[in-house]
Amino acid sequence: MKNTYTTSLNLPITDYGLLFLRIAIAALMLGHGIPKLTMLFGSQEISFGDPIGIGQTATLTLTVFAEVICSILIAVGLATRLAAFVLAFTMAIAFFCSTCSRSFSK
């Protein structure tokens, strides 16, 4: 049988590249999540968008979960697919709601 699949990837370099990518994405999302975490546990009144209608505090709590907890999970490499899905869903809501609010304000 003829071998139809060959690769010339250097696997250790690929592993280090993926590790760097995971940590970079996690650090980027943690940079956005830490200020929201301080807002959630701060003494000031919560003023946060509520695009799906569940309340400002609940929306902020879910966003903090996605941006802090899921980012840490991605950096460590635990439940990466599930954590990435939660982050992608959160960012999709943020993107589409910011796009909708810009189109309605015109």
PDB file of N, CA and C in Angstrom:
ATOM      1  N   MET A   1       0.846  -1.171   0.000  1.00  0.00           N
ATOM      2  CA  MET A   1       0.000   0.000   0.000  1.00  0.00           C
ATOM      3  C   MET A   1       0.894   1.238   0.000  1.00  0.00           C
ATOM      4  N   LYS A   2       0.544   2.163  -0.844  1.00  0.00           N
ATOM      5  CA  LYS A   2       1.329   3.379  -0.988  1.00  0.00           C
ATOM      6  C   LYS A   2       0.970   4.393   0.108  1.00  0.00           C
ATOM      7  N   ASN A   3       1.990   5.019   0.698  1.00  0.00           N
ATOM      8  CA  ASN A   3       1.782   6.026   1.729  1.00  0.00           C
ATOM      9  C   ASN A   3       1.435   7.349   1.050  1.00  0.00           C
ATOM     10  N   THR A   4       0.206   7.816   1.241  1.00  0.00           N
ATOM     11  CA  THR A   4      -0.232   9.041   0.571  1.00  0.00           C
ATOM     12  C   THR A   4      -0.118  10.270   1.458  1.00  0.00           C
ATOM     13  N   TYR A   5       0.164  10.066   2.714  1.00  0.00           N
ATOM     14  CA  TYR A   5       0.241  11.199   3.634  1.00  0.00           C
ATOM     15  C   TYR A   5       1.629  11.248   4.253  1.00  0.00           C
ATOM     16  N   THR A   6       2.327  12.295   3.945  1.00  0.00           N
ATOM     17  CA  THR A   6       3.629  12.524   4.566  1.00  0.00           C
ATOM     18  C   THR A   6       3.667  13.953   5.074  1.00  0.00           C
ATOM     19  N   THR A   7       4.442  14.164   6.091  1.00  0.00           N
ATOM     20  CA  THR A   7       4.571  15.494   6.654  1.00  0.00           C
ATOM     21  C   THR A   7       6.025  15.779   6.972  1.00  0.00           C
ATOM     22  N   SER A   8       6.354  17.032   6.874  1.00  0.00           N
ATOM     23  CA  SER A   8       7.721  17.418   7.209  1.00  0.00           C
ATOM     24  C   SER A   8       7.725  18.356   8.417  1.00  0.00           C
ATOM     25  N   LEU A   9       6.694  18.245   9.232  1.00  0.00           N
ATOM     26  CA  LEU A   9       6.609  19.096  10.415  1.00  0.00           C
ATOM     27  C   LEU A   9       7.605  18.641  11.467  1.00  0.00           C
ATOM     28  N   ASN A  10       8.201  19.602  12.110  1.00  0.00           N
ATOM     29  CA  ASN A  10       9.046  19.317  13.250  1.00  0.00           C
ATOM     30  C   ASN A  10       8.132  19.372  14.473  1.00  0.00           C
ATOM     31  N   LEU A  11       7.752  18.227  15.008  1.00  0.00           N
ATOM     32  CA  LEU A  11       6.719  18.171  16.037  1.00  0.00           C
ATOM     33  C   LEU A  11       7.047  18.947  17.303  1.00  0.00           C
ATOM     34  N   PRO A  12       8.261  18.926  17.840  1.00  0.00           N
ATOM     35  CA  PRO A  12       8.521  19.752  19.029  1.00  0.00           C
ATOM     36  C   PRO A  12       8.338  21.247  18.756  1.00  0.00           C
ATOM     37  N   ILE A  13       8.749  21.707  17.600  1.00  0.00           N
ATOM     38  CA  ILE A  13       8.561  23.127  17.273  1.00  0.00           C
ATOM     39  C   ILE A  13       7.079  23.444  17.125  1.00  0.00           C
ATOM     40  N   THR A  14       6.322  22.541  16.534  1.00  0.00           N
ATOM     41  CA  THR A  14       4.880  22.732  16.403  1.00  0.00           C
ATOM     42  C   THR A  14       4.224  22.787  17.780  1.00  0.00           C
ATOM     43  N   ASP A  15       4.633  21.911  18.671  1.00  0.00           N
ATOM     44  CA  ASP A  15       4.075  21.916  20.029  1.00  0.00           C
ATOM     45  C   ASP A  15       4.378  23.225  20.751  1.00  0.00           C
ATOM     46  N   TYR A  16       5.588  23.717  20.624  1.00  0.00           N
ATOM     47  CA  TYR A  16       5.937  24.997  21.260  1.00  0.00           C
ATOM     48  C   TYR A  16       5.165  26.153  20.632  1.00  0.00           C
ATOM     49  N   GLY A  17       4.956  26.087  19.337  1.00  0.00           N
ATOM     50  CA  GLY A  17       4.163  27.124  18.668  1.00  0.00           C
ATOM     51  C   GLY A  17       2.730  27.149  19.149  1.00  0.00           C
ATOM     52  N   LEU A  18       2.128  25.963  19.287  1.00  0.00           N
ATOM     53  CA  LEU A  18       0.759  25.890  19.789  1.00  0.00           C
ATOM     54  C   LEU A  18       0.664  26.330  21.246  1.00  0.00           C
ATOM     55  N   LEU A  19       1.678  25.986  22.037  1.00  0.00           N
ATOM     56  CA  LEU A  19       1.716  26.450  23.425  1.00  0.00           C
ATOM     57  C   LEU A  19       1.788  27.971  23.488  1.00  0.00           C
ATOM     58  N   PHE A  20       2.646  28.564  22.671  1.00  0.00           N
ATOM     59  CA  PHE A  20       2.754  30.021  22.619  1.00  0.00           C
ATOM     60  C   PHE A  20       1.426  30.651  22.196  1.00  0.00           C
ATOM     61  N   LEU A  21       0.768  30.074  21.203  1.00  0.00           N
ATOM     62  CA  LEU A  21      -0.513  30.595  20.733  1.00  0.00           C
ATOM     63  C   LEU A  21      -1.570  30.517  21.826  1.00  0.00           C
ATOM     64  N   ARG A  22      -1.627  29.381  22.540  1.00  0.00           N
ATOM     65  CA  ARG A  22      -2.583  29.234  23.639  1.00  0.00           C
ATOM     66  C   ARG A  22      -2.354  30.260  24.730  1.00  0.00           C
ATOM     67  N   ILE A  23      -1.096  30.445  25.115  1.00  0.00           N
ATOM     68  CA  ILE A  23      -0.787  31.388  26.195  1.00  0.00           C
ATOM     69  C   ILE A  23      -1.023  32.827  25.745  1.00  0.00           C
ATOM     70  N   ALA A  24      -0.722  33.136  24.500  1.00  0.00           N
ATOM     71  CA  ALA A  24      -0.941  34.500  23.992  1.00  0.00           C
ATOM     72  C   ALA A  24      -2.427  34.839  23.960  1.00  0.00           C
ATOM     73  N   ILE A  25      -3.246  33.926  23.494  1.00  0.00           N
ATOM     74  CA  ILE A  25      -4.694  34.172  23.457  1.00  0.00           C
ATOM     75  C   ILE A  25      -5.242  34.294  24.874  1.00  0.00           C
ATOM     76  N   ALA A  26      -4.776  33.451  25.768  1.00  0.00           N
ATOM     77  CA  ALA A  26      -5.236  33.522  27.155  1.00  0.00           C
ATOM     78  C   ALA A  26      -4.833  34.838  27.800  1.00  0.00           C
ATOM     79  N   ALA A  27      -3.606  35.292  27.545  1.00  0.00           N
ATOM     80  CA  ALA A  27      -3.162  36.567  28.110  1.00  0.00           C
ATOM     81  C   ALA A  27      -3.961  37.733  27.541  1.00  0.00           C
ATOM     82  N   LEU A  28      -4.254  37.683  26.260  1.00  0.00           N
ATOM     83  CA  LEU A  28      -5.060  38.734  25.631  1.00  0.00           C
ATOM     84  C   LEU A  28      -6.446  38.805  26.261  1.00  0.00           C
ATOM     85  N   MET A  29      -7.072  37.655  26.453  1.00  0.00           N
ATOM     86  CA  MET A  29      -8.410  37.643  27.031  1.00  0.00           C
ATOM     87  C   MET A  29      -8.386  37.982  28.518  1.00  0.00           C
ATOM     88  N   LEU A  30      -7.340  37.576  29.225  1.00  0.00           N
ATOM     89  CA  LEU A  30      -7.221  37.960  30.637  1.00  0.00           C
ATOM     90  C   LEU A  30      -7.056  39.466  30.779  1.00  0.00           C
ATOM     91  N   GLY A  31      -6.379  40.076  29.833  1.00  0.00           N
ATOM     92  CA  GLY A  31      -6.239  41.532  29.850  1.00  0.00           C
ATOM     93  C   GLY A  31      -7.574  42.245  29.761  1.00  0.00           C
ATOM     94  N   HIS A  32      -8.533  41.630  29.097  1.00  0.00           N
ATOM     95  CA  HIS A  32      -9.877  42.205  29.022  1.00  0.00           C
ATOM     96  C   HIS A  32     -10.738  41.779  30.208  1.00  0.00           C
ATOM     97  N   GLY A  33     -10.444  40.618  30.781  1.00  0.00           N
ATOM     98  CA  GLY A  33     -11.292  40.089  31.840  1.00  0.00           C
ATOM     99  C   GLY A  33     -10.987  40.614  33.228  1.00  0.00           C
ATOM    100  N   ILE A  34      -9.728  40.930  33.514  1.00  0.00           N
ATOM    101  CA  ILE A  34      -9.352  41.390  34.857  1.00  0.00           C
ATOM    102  C   ILE A  34     -10.049  42.699  35.236  1.00  0.00           C
ATOM    103  N   PRO A  35     -10.123  43.701  34.343  1.00  0.00           N
ATOM    104  CA  PRO A  35     -10.883  44.908  34.720  1.00  0.00           C
ATOM    105  C   PRO A  35     -12.364  44.625  34.988  1.00  0.00           C
ATOM    106  N   LYS A  36     -12.935  43.684  34.247  1.00  0.00           N
ATOM    107  CA  LYS A  36     -14.333  43.323  34.489  1.00  0.00           C
ATOM    108  C   LYS A  36     -14.480  42.586  35.819  1.00  0.00           C
ATOM    109  N   LEU A  37     -13.482  41.794  36.173  1.00  0.00           N
ATOM    110  CA  LEU A  37     -13.497  41.105  37.460  1.00  0.00           C
ATOM    111  C   LEU A  37     -13.458  42.106  38.611  1.00  0.00           C
ATOM    112  N   THR A  38     -12.624  43.136  38.486  1.00  0.00           N
ATOM    113  CA  THR A  38     -12.581  44.165  39.535  1.00  0.00           C
ATOM    114  C   THR A  38     -13.878  44.969  39.568  1.00  0.00           C
ATOM    115  N   MET A  39     -14.520  45.146  38.412  1.00  0.00           N
ATOM    116  CA  MET A  39     -15.810  45.836  38.381  1.00  0.00           C
ATOM    117  C   MET A  39     -16.871  44.987  39.080  1.00  0.00           C
ATOM    118  N   LEU A  40     -16.803  43.662  38.877  1.00  0.00           N
ATOM    119  CA  LEU A  40     -17.796  42.768  39.478  1.00  0.00           C
ATOM    120  C   LEU A  40     -17.685  42.747  40.996  1.00  0.00           C
ATOM    121  N   PHE A  41     -16.456  42.720  41.518  1.00  0.00           N
ATOM    122  CA  PHE A  41     -16.261  42.643  42.963  1.00  0.00           C
ATOM    123  C   PHE A  41     -15.986  43.999  43.599  1.00  0.00           C
ATOM    124  N   GLY A  42     -16.052  45.066  42.824  1.00  0.00           N
ATOM    125  CA  GLY A  42     -15.837  46.397  43.363  1.00  0.00           C
ATOM    126  C   GLY A  42     -17.049  46.899  44.118  1.00  0.00           C
ATOM    127  N   SER A  43     -16.885  48.046  44.740  1.00  0.00           N
ATOM    128  CA  SER A  43     -17.965  48.609  45.548  1.00  0.00           C
ATOM    129  C   SER A  43     -18.884  49.525  44.745  1.00  0.00           C
ATOM    130  N   GLN A  44     -18.513  49.834  43.510  1.00  0.00           N
ATOM    131  CA  GLN A  44     -19.339  50.715  42.697  1.00  0.00           C
ATOM    132  C   GLN A  44     -20.517  49.949  42.100  1.00  0.00           C
ATOM    133  N   GLU A  45     -21.505  50.715  41.684  1.00  0.00           N
ATOM    134  CA  GLU A  45     -22.664  50.118  41.037  1.00  0.00           C
ATOM    135  C   GLU A  45     -22.251  49.571  39.678  1.00  0.00           C
ATOM    136  N   ILE A  46     -22.796  48.406  39.318  1.00  0.00           N
ATOM    137  CA  ILE A  46     -22.427  47.759  38.057  1.00  0.00           C
ATOM    138  C   ILE A  46     -23.150  48.442  36.914  1.00  0.00           C
ATOM    139  N   SER A  47     -22.372  48.901  35.963  1.00  0.00           N
ATOM    140  CA  SER A  47     -22.911  49.496  34.745  1.00  0.00           C
ATOM    141  C   SER A  47     -22.301  48.734  33.576  1.00  0.00           C
ATOM    142  N   PHE A  48     -23.037  47.761  33.074  1.00  0.00           N
ATOM    143  CA  PHE A  48     -22.536  46.881  32.030  1.00  0.00           C
ATOM    144  C   PHE A  48     -23.664  46.618  31.048  1.00  0.00           C
ATOM    145  N   GLY A  49     -23.336  46.438  29.795  1.00  0.00           N
ATOM    146  CA  GLY A  49     -24.346  46.174  28.778  1.00  0.00           C
ATOM    147  C   GLY A  49     -25.096  44.874  29.037  1.00  0.00           C
ATOM    148  N   ASP A  50     -26.338  44.833  28.590  1.00  0.00           N
ATOM    149  CA  ASP A  50     -27.173  43.651  28.766  1.00  0.00           C
ATOM    150  C   ASP A  50     -27.802  43.279  27.427  1.00  0.00           C
ATOM    151  N   PRO A  51     -27.007  42.708  26.520  1.00  0.00           N
ATOM    152  CA  PRO A  51     -27.521  42.471  25.170  1.00  0.00           C
ATOM    153  C   PRO A  51     -28.524  41.325  25.068  1.00  0.00           C
ATOM    154  N   ILE A  52     -28.520  40.385  26.006  1.00  0.00           N
ATOM    155  CA  ILE A  52     -29.436  39.253  25.875  1.00  0.00           C
ATOM    156  C   ILE A  52     -30.567  39.286  26.899  1.00  0.00           C
ATOM    157  N   GLY A  53     -30.631  40.352  27.688  1.00  0.00           N
ATOM    158  CA  GLY A  53     -31.770  40.592  28.560  1.00  0.00           C
ATOM    159  C   GLY A  53     -31.843  39.748  29.819  1.00  0.00           C
ATOM    160  N   ILE A  54     -30.701  39.402  30.415  1.00  0.00           N
ATOM    161  CA  ILE A  54     -30.724  38.608  31.656  1.00  0.00           C
ATOM    162  C   ILE A  54     -30.306  39.435  32.861  1.00  0.00           C
ATOM    163  N   GLY A  55     -30.056  40.700  32.662  1.00  0.00           N
ATOM    164  CA  GLY A  55     -29.644  41.577  33.752  1.00  0.00           C
ATOM    165  C   GLY A  55     -28.164  41.914  33.649  1.00  0.00           C
ATOM    166  N   GLN A  56     -27.819  43.106  34.120  1.00  0.00           N
ATOM    167  CA  GLN A  56     -26.434  43.567  34.008  1.00  0.00           C
ATOM    168  C   GLN A  56     -25.481  42.724  34.855  1.00  0.00           C
ATOM    169  N   THR A  57     -25.895  42.379  36.060  1.00  0.00           N
ATOM    170  CA  THR A  57     -25.017  41.604  36.939  1.00  0.00           C
ATOM    171  C   THR A  57     -24.791  40.201  36.394  1.00  0.00           C
ATOM    172  N   ALA A  58     -25.835  39.560  35.911  1.00  0.00           N
ATOM    173  CA  ALA A  58     -25.697  38.209  35.344  1.00  0.00           C
ATOM    174  C   ALA A  58     -24.847  38.224  34.082  1.00  0.00           C
ATOM    175  N   THR A  59     -25.044  39.223  33.241  1.00  0.00           N
ATOM    176  CA  THR A  59     -24.250  39.332  32.024  1.00  0.00           C
ATOM    177  C   THR A  59     -22.783  39.561  32.354  1.00  0.00           C
ATOM    178  N   LEU A  60     -22.509  40.439  33.315  1.00  0.00           N
ATOM    179  CA  LEU A  60     -21.124  40.689  33.722  1.00  0.00           C
ATOM    180  C   LEU A  60     -20.502  39.436  34.336  1.00  0.00           C
ATOM    181  N   THR A  61     -21.257  38.703  35.126  1.00  0.00           N
ATOM    182  CA  THR A  61     -20.746  37.477  35.740  1.00  0.00           C
ATOM    183  C   THR A  61     -20.389  36.440  34.683  1.00  0.00           C
ATOM    184  N   LEU A  62     -21.259  36.252  33.697  1.00  0.00           N
ATOM    185  CA  LEU A  62     -20.968  35.294  32.623  1.00  0.00           C
ATOM    186  C   LEU A  62     -19.783  35.740  31.774  1.00  0.00           C
ATOM    187  N   THR A  63     -19.670  37.030  31.550  1.00  0.00           N
ATOM    188  CA  THR A  63     -18.541  37.546  30.784  1.00  0.00           C
ATOM    189  C   THR A  63     -17.238  37.363  31.548  1.00  0.00           C
ATOM    190  N   VAL A  64     -17.259  37.616  32.848  1.00  0.00           N
ATOM    191  CA  VAL A  64     -16.063  37.402  33.672  1.00  0.00           C
ATOM    192  C   VAL A  64     -15.690  35.926  33.677  1.00  0.00           C
ATOM    193  N   PHE A  65     -16.678  35.045  33.785  1.00  0.00           N
ATOM    194  CA  PHE A  65     -16.393  33.611  33.726  1.00  0.00           C
ATOM    195  C   PHE A  65     -15.699  33.254  32.424  1.00  0.00           C
ATOM    196  N   ALA A  66     -16.234  33.756  31.320  1.00  0.00           N
ATOM    197  CA  ALA A  66     -15.657  33.421  30.017  1.00  0.00           C
ATOM    198  C   ALA A  66     -14.253  33.995  29.867  1.00  0.00           C
ATOM    199  N   GLU A  67     -14.082  35.267  30.211  1.00  0.00           N
ATOM    200  CA  GLU A  67     -12.813  35.929  29.938  1.00  0.00           C
ATOM    201  C   GLU A  67     -11.726  35.622  30.954  1.00  0.00           C
ATOM    202  N   VAL A  68     -12.078  35.226  32.166  1.00  0.00           N
ATOM    203  CA  VAL A  68     -11.057  34.936  33.180  1.00  0.00           C
ATOM    204  C   VAL A  68     -10.882  33.431  33.351  1.00  0.00           C
ATOM    205  N   ILE A  69     -11.939  32.745  33.739  1.00  0.00           N
ATOM    206  CA  ILE A  69     -11.836  31.319  34.027  1.00  0.00           C
ATOM    207  C   ILE A  69     -11.503  30.522  32.761  1.00  0.00           C
ATOM    208  N   CYS A  70     -12.208  30.794  31.681  1.00  0.00           N
ATOM    209  CA  CYS A  70     -11.943  30.049  30.443  1.00  0.00           C
ATOM    210  C   CYS A  70     -10.571  30.386  29.868  1.00  0.00           C
ATOM    211  N   SER A  71     -10.105  31.603  30.049  1.00  0.00           N
ATOM    212  CA  SER A  71      -8.760  31.954  29.594  1.00  0.00           C
ATOM    213  C   SER A  71      -7.701  31.195  30.373  1.00  0.00           C
ATOM    214  N   ILE A  72      -7.905  31.062  31.668  1.00  0.00           N
ATOM    215  CA  ILE A  72      -6.963  30.285  32.482  1.00  0.00           C
ATOM    216  C   ILE A  72      -6.985  28.820  32.059  1.00  0.00           C
ATOM    217  N   LEU A  73      -8.175  28.293  31.784  1.00  0.00           N
ATOM    218  CA  LEU A  73      -8.271  26.905  31.319  1.00  0.00           C
ATOM    219  C   LEU A  73      -7.538  26.706  30.001  1.00  0.00           C
ATOM    220  N   ILE A  74      -7.656  27.659  29.094  1.00  0.00           N
ATOM    221  CA  ILE A  74      -6.951  27.562  27.816  1.00  0.00           C
ATOM    222  C   ILE A  74      -5.448  27.633  28.027  1.00  0.00           C
ATOM    223  N   ALA A  75      -4.988  28.527  28.881  1.00  0.00           N
ATOM    224  CA  ALA A  75      -3.553  28.655  29.127  1.00  0.00           C
ATOM    225  C   ALA A  75      -2.980  27.382  29.725  1.00  0.00           C
ATOM    226  N   VAL A  76      -3.725  26.750  30.625  1.00  0.00           N
ATOM    227  CA  VAL A  76      -3.258  25.527  31.274  1.00  0.00           C
ATOM    228  C   VAL A  76      -3.429  24.321  30.350  1.00  0.00           C
ATOM    229  N   GLY A  77      -4.418  24.370  29.479  1.00  0.00           N
ATOM    230  CA  GLY A  77      -4.660  23.275  28.552  1.00  0.00           C
ATOM    231  C   GLY A  77      -5.719  22.300  29.020  1.00  0.00           C
ATOM    232  N   LEU A  78      -6.570  22.731  29.931  1.00  0.00           N
ATOM    233  CA  LEU A  78      -7.661  21.885  30.421  1.00  0.00           C
ATOM    234  C   LEU A  78      -8.970  22.287  29.754  1.00  0.00           C
ATOM    235  N   ALA A  79      -9.691  21.314  29.252  1.00  0.00           N
ATOM    236  CA  ALA A  79     -10.988  21.553  28.592  1.00  0.00           C
ATOM    237  C   ALA A  79     -10.869  22.678  27.569  1.00  0.00           C
ATOM    238  N   THR A  80      -9.845  22.599  26.752  1.00  0.00           N
ATOM    239  CA  THR A  80      -9.526  23.695  25.838  1.00  0.00           C
ATOM    240  C   THR A  80     -10.634  23.942  24.825  1.00  0.00           C
ATOM    241  N   ARG A  81     -11.186  22.899  24.273  1.00  0.00           N
ATOM    242  CA  ARG A  81     -12.234  23.079  23.255  1.00  0.00           C
ATOM    243  C   ARG A  81     -13.489  23.710  23.849  1.00  0.00           C
ATOM    244  N   LEU A  82     -13.887  23.249  25.012  1.00  0.00           N
ATOM    245  CA  LEU A  82     -15.070  23.807  25.663  1.00  0.00           C
ATOM    246  C   LEU A  82     -14.828  25.257  26.066  1.00  0.00           C
ATOM    247  N   ALA A  83     -13.661  25.535  26.638  1.00  0.00           N
ATOM    248  CA  ALA A  83     -13.340  26.902  27.049  1.00  0.00           C
ATOM    249  C   ALA A  83     -13.244  27.825  25.838  1.00  0.00           C
ATOM    250  N   ALA A  84     -12.677  27.328  24.748  1.00  0.00           N
ATOM    251  CA  ALA A  84     -12.579  28.144  23.531  1.00  0.00           C
ATOM    252  C   ALA A  84     -13.961  28.412  22.947  1.00  0.00           C
ATOM    253  N   PHE A  85     -14.861  27.434  23.033  1.00  0.00           N
ATOM    254  CA  PHE A  85     -16.224  27.640  22.553  1.00  0.00           C
ATOM    255  C   PHE A  85     -16.926  28.725  23.364  1.00  0.00           C
ATOM    256  N   VAL A  86     -16.783  28.666  24.681  1.00  0.00           N
ATOM    257  CA  VAL A  86     -17.410  29.673  25.551  1.00  0.00           C
ATOM    258  C   VAL A  86     -16.847  31.062  25.237  1.00  0.00           C
ATOM    259  N   LEU A  87     -15.533  31.169  25.066  1.00  0.00           N
ATOM    260  CA  LEU A  87     -14.918  32.455  24.717  1.00  0.00           C
ATOM    261  C   LEU A  87     -15.390  32.945  23.357  1.00  0.00           C
ATOM    262  N   ALA A  88     -15.453  32.052  22.387  1.00  0.00           N
ATOM    263  CA  ALA A  88     -15.900  32.438  21.044  1.00  0.00           C
ATOM    264  C   ALA A  88     -17.349  32.905  21.071  1.00  0.00           C
ATOM    265  N   PHE A  89     -18.193  32.227  21.842  1.00  0.00           N
ATOM    266  CA  PHE A  89     -19.593  32.622  21.963  1.00  0.00           C
ATOM    267  C   PHE A  89     -19.712  34.006  22.603  1.00  0.00           C
ATOM    268  N   THR A  90     -18.939  34.241  23.653  1.00  0.00           N
ATOM    269  CA  THR A  90     -18.958  35.543  24.323  1.00  0.00           C
ATOM    270  C   THR A  90     -18.493  36.651  23.384  1.00  0.00           C
ATOM    271  N   MET A  91     -17.433  36.388  22.633  1.00  0.00           N
ATOM    272  CA  MET A  91     -16.918  37.400  21.716  1.00  0.00           C
ATOM    273  C   MET A  91     -17.862  37.623  20.539  1.00  0.00           C
ATOM    274  N   ALA A  92     -18.576  36.590  20.111  1.00  0.00           N
ATOM    275  CA  ALA A  92     -19.566  36.754  19.043  1.00  0.00           C
ATOM    276  C   ALA A  92     -20.710  37.650  19.508  1.00  0.00           C
ATOM    277  N   ILE A  93     -21.182  37.446  20.729  1.00  0.00           N
ATOM    278  CA  ILE A  93     -22.231  38.311  21.269  1.00  0.00           C
ATOM    279  C   ILE A  93     -21.726  39.745  21.371  1.00  0.00           C
ATOM    280  N   ALA A  94     -20.502  39.923  21.862  1.00  0.00           N
ATOM    281  CA  ALA A  94     -19.944  41.271  21.981  1.00  0.00           C
ATOM    282  C   ALA A  94     -19.805  41.931  20.606  1.00  0.00           C
ATOM    283  N   PHE A  95     -19.373  41.170  19.616  1.00  0.00           N
ATOM    284  CA  PHE A  95     -19.198  41.722  18.275  1.00  0.00           C
ATOM    285  C   PHE A  95     -20.531  42.110  17.659  1.00  0.00           C
ATOM    286  N   PHE A  96     -21.487  41.194  17.669  1.00  0.00           N
ATOM    287  CA  PHE A  96     -22.763  41.475  17.020  1.00  0.00           C
ATOM    288  C   PHE A  96     -23.563  42.540  17.750  1.00  0.00           C
ATOM    289  N   CYS A  97     -23.456  42.605  19.068  1.00  0.00           N
ATOM    290  CA  CYS A  97     -24.182  43.639  19.800  1.00  0.00           C
ATOM    291  C   CYS A  97     -23.557  45.004  19.593  1.00  0.00           C
ATOM    292  N   SER A  98     -22.239  45.067  19.478  1.00  0.00           N
ATOM    293  CA  SER A  98     -21.617  46.358  19.201  1.00  0.00           C
ATOM    294  C   SER A  98     -21.920  46.796  17.770  1.00  0.00           C
ATOM    295  N   THR A  99     -22.005  45.851  16.845  1.00  0.00           N
ATOM    296  CA  THR A  99     -22.356  46.180  15.466  1.00  0.00           C
ATOM    297  C   THR A  99     -23.796  46.656  15.388  1.00  0.00           C
ATOM    298  N   CYS A 100     -24.701  45.991  16.113  1.00  0.00           N
ATOM    299  CA  CYS A 100     -26.117  46.379  16.091  1.00  0.00           C
ATOM    300  C   CYS A 100     -26.309  47.753  16.716  1.00  0.00           C
ATOM    301  N   SER A 101     -25.604  48.039  17.817  1.00  0.00           N
ATOM    302  CA  SER A 101     -25.799  49.329  18.462  1.00  0.00           C
ATOM    303  C   SER A 101     -25.250  50.460  17.601  1.00  0.00           C
ATOM    304  N   ARG A 102     -24.203  50.183  16.830  1.00  0.00           N
ATOM    305  CA  ARG A 102     -23.688  51.223  15.932  1.00  0.00           C
ATOM    306  C   ARG A 102     -24.647  51.477  14.786  1.00  0.00           C
ATOM    307  N   SER A 103     -25.285  50.410  14.257  1.00  0.00           N
ATOM    308  CA  SER A 103     -26.192  50.606  13.133  1.00  0.00           C
ATOM    309  C   SER A 103     -27.488  51.268  13.592  1.00  0.00           C
ATOM    310  N   PHE A 104     -27.922  51.059  14.829  1.00  0.00           N
ATOM    311  CA  PHE A 104     -29.133  51.686  15.309  1.00  0.00           C
ATOM    312  C   PHE A 104     -28.910  53.132  15.708  1.00  0.00           C
ATOM    313  N   SER A 105     -27.687  53.476  16.046  1.00  0.00           N
ATOM    314  CA  SER A 105     -27.429  54.851  16.471  1.00  0.00           C
ATOM    315  C   SER A 105     -27.300  55.814  15.302  1.00  0.00           C
ATOM    316  N   LYS A 106     -27.210  55.303  14.096  1.00  0.00           N
ATOM    317  CA  LYS A 106     -27.084  56.176  12.905  1.00  0.00           C
ATOM    318  C   LYS A 106     -28.401  56.735  12.481  1.00  0.00           C
TER     319      LYS A 106
END
